[in-house]
Amino acid sequence: MNNDIEESREPNPELVECAIVEVLEIAQRQGITPADFIQLLDSGIRMSDFLAALKPLAKAKDRIDCDS
């Protein structure tokens, strides 16, 4: 293994929380409840696939805005 590769670290909890809230808001704008979203995740859908499926439908922000 390459020694230059940085070891994985725990993600910033505040950023993770912000990202979850943003994704739930995107889902809700499309009529998907938080419970439905959790069920999708439990069924094996990857977050990237979920967001890719919504991209043509949602007018999602280009970046996560934690200040709003």
C-alpha atoms as a PDB file:
ATOM      1  CA  MET A   1       0.000   0.000   0.000  1.00  0.00           C
ATOM      2  CA  ASN A   2       1.155   3.513  -0.688  1.00  0.00           C
ATOM      3  CA  ASN A   3       2.336   5.287   2.483  1.00  0.00           C
ATOM      4  CA  ASP A   4       1.183   8.641   1.074  1.00  0.00           C
ATOM      5  CA  ILE A   5      -2.469   7.642   1.272  1.00  0.00           C
ATOM      6  CA  GLU A   6      -4.060   9.297   4.268  1.00  0.00           C
ATOM      7  CA  GLU A   7      -5.725   6.983   6.729  1.00  0.00           C
ATOM      8  CA  SER A   8      -9.485   7.264   6.803  1.00  0.00           C
ATOM      9  CA  ARG A   9     -10.857   9.480   9.544  1.00  0.00           C
ATOM     10  CA  GLU A  10     -14.234   9.840  11.115  1.00  0.00           C
ATOM     11  CA  PRO A  11     -16.341  12.386   9.232  1.00  0.00           C
ATOM     12  CA  ASN A  12     -17.213  15.665  10.899  1.00  0.00           C
ATOM     13  CA  PRO A  13     -20.484  14.927  12.773  1.00  0.00           C
ATOM     14  CA  GLU A  14     -21.866  18.404  12.057  1.00  0.00           C
ATOM     15  CA  LEU A  15     -21.246  18.003   8.327  1.00  0.00           C
ATOM     16  CA  VAL A  16     -22.852  14.559   8.357  1.00  0.00           C
ATOM     17  CA  GLU A  17     -25.919  15.924  10.158  1.00  0.00           C
ATOM     18  CA  CYS A  18     -26.174  18.801   7.700  1.00  0.00           C
ATOM     19  CA  ALA A  19     -25.914  16.434   4.730  1.00  0.00           C
ATOM     20  CA  ILE A  20     -28.625  14.156   6.122  1.00  0.00           C
ATOM     21  CA  VAL A  21     -30.962  17.115   6.664  1.00  0.00           C
ATOM     22  CA  GLU A  22     -30.299  18.355   3.120  1.00  0.00           C
ATOM     23  CA  VAL A  23     -30.986  14.938   1.576  1.00  0.00           C
ATOM     24  CA  LEU A  24     -34.199  14.555   3.603  1.00  0.00           C
ATOM     25  CA  GLU A  25     -35.334  18.000   2.400  1.00  0.00           C
ATOM     26  CA  ILE A  26     -34.657  17.018  -1.215  1.00  0.00           C
ATOM     27  CA  ALA A  27     -36.625  13.805  -0.699  1.00  0.00           C
ATOM     28  CA  GLN A  28     -39.542  15.602   0.934  1.00  0.00           C
ATOM     29  CA  ARG A  29     -39.770  18.051  -1.983  1.00  0.00           C
ATOM     30  CA  GLN A  30     -40.362  14.968  -4.142  1.00  0.00           C
ATOM     31  CA  GLY A  31     -43.004  13.549  -1.804  1.00  0.00           C
ATOM     32  CA  ILE A  32     -40.759  11.022  -0.079  1.00  0.00           C
ATOM     33  CA  THR A  33     -41.230  10.912   3.673  1.00  0.00           C
ATOM     34  CA  PRO A  34     -38.277  10.412   6.021  1.00  0.00           C
ATOM     35  CA  ALA A  35     -39.647   6.939   6.843  1.00  0.00           C
ATOM     36  CA  ASP A  36     -39.826   6.063   3.135  1.00  0.00           C
ATOM     37  CA  PHE A  37     -36.277   7.325   2.679  1.00  0.00           C
ATOM     38  CA  ILE A  38     -34.991   5.158   5.541  1.00  0.00           C
ATOM     39  CA  GLN A  39     -36.834   2.187   4.045  1.00  0.00           C
ATOM     40  CA  LEU A  40     -35.105   2.821   0.705  1.00  0.00           C
ATOM     41  CA  LEU A  41     -31.728   2.846   2.444  1.00  0.00           C
ATOM     42  CA  ASP A  42     -32.607  -0.334   4.347  1.00  0.00           C
ATOM     43  CA  SER A  43     -33.553  -2.005   1.069  1.00  0.00           C
ATOM     44  CA  GLY A  44     -30.037  -1.412  -0.210  1.00  0.00           C
ATOM     45  CA  ILE A  45     -30.247   1.714  -2.361  1.00  0.00           C
ATOM     46  CA  ARG A  46     -27.023   3.679  -2.294  1.00  0.00           C
ATOM     47  CA  MET A  47     -27.182   7.372  -1.471  1.00  0.00           C
ATOM     48  CA  SER A  48     -25.484   8.234  -4.766  1.00  0.00           C
ATOM     49  CA  ASP A  49     -28.080   6.240  -6.733  1.00  0.00           C
ATOM     50  CA  PHE A  50     -30.919   7.923  -4.831  1.00  0.00           C
ATOM     51  CA  LEU A  51     -29.582  11.397  -5.558  1.00  0.00           C
ATOM     52  CA  ALA A  52     -28.872  10.530  -9.199  1.00  0.00           C
ATOM     53  CA  ALA A  53     -32.476   9.376  -9.618  1.00  0.00           C
ATOM     54  CA  LEU A  54     -33.777  12.645  -8.162  1.00  0.00           C
ATOM     55  CA  LYS A  55     -31.410  14.922 -10.049  1.00  0.00           C
ATOM     56  CA  PRO A  56     -33.621  15.331 -13.126  1.00  0.00           C
ATOM     57  CA  LEU A  57     -36.634  15.974 -10.884  1.00  0.00           C
ATOM     58  CA  ALA A  58     -35.255  18.118  -8.105  1.00  0.00           C
ATOM     59  CA  LYS A  59     -33.849  21.590  -8.358  1.00  0.00           C
ATOM     60  CA  ALA A  60     -31.222  20.597  -5.832  1.00  0.00           C
ATOM     61  CA  LYS A  61     -28.627  23.075  -4.713  1.00  0.00           C
ATOM     62  CA  ASP A  62     -25.146  22.677  -6.172  1.00  0.00           C
ATOM     63  CA  ARG A  63     -23.687  22.524  -2.688  1.00  0.00           C
ATOM     64  CA  ILE A  64     -24.834  21.795   0.802  1.00  0.00           C
ATOM     65  CA  ASP A  65     -25.685  25.029   2.592  1.00  0.00           C
ATOM     66  CA  CYS A  66     -25.402  24.497   6.330  1.00  0.00           C
ATOM     67  CA  ASP A  67     -25.982  28.167   7.094  1.00  0.00           C
ATOM     68  CA  SER A  68     -29.631  28.300   6.082  1.00  0.00           C
END
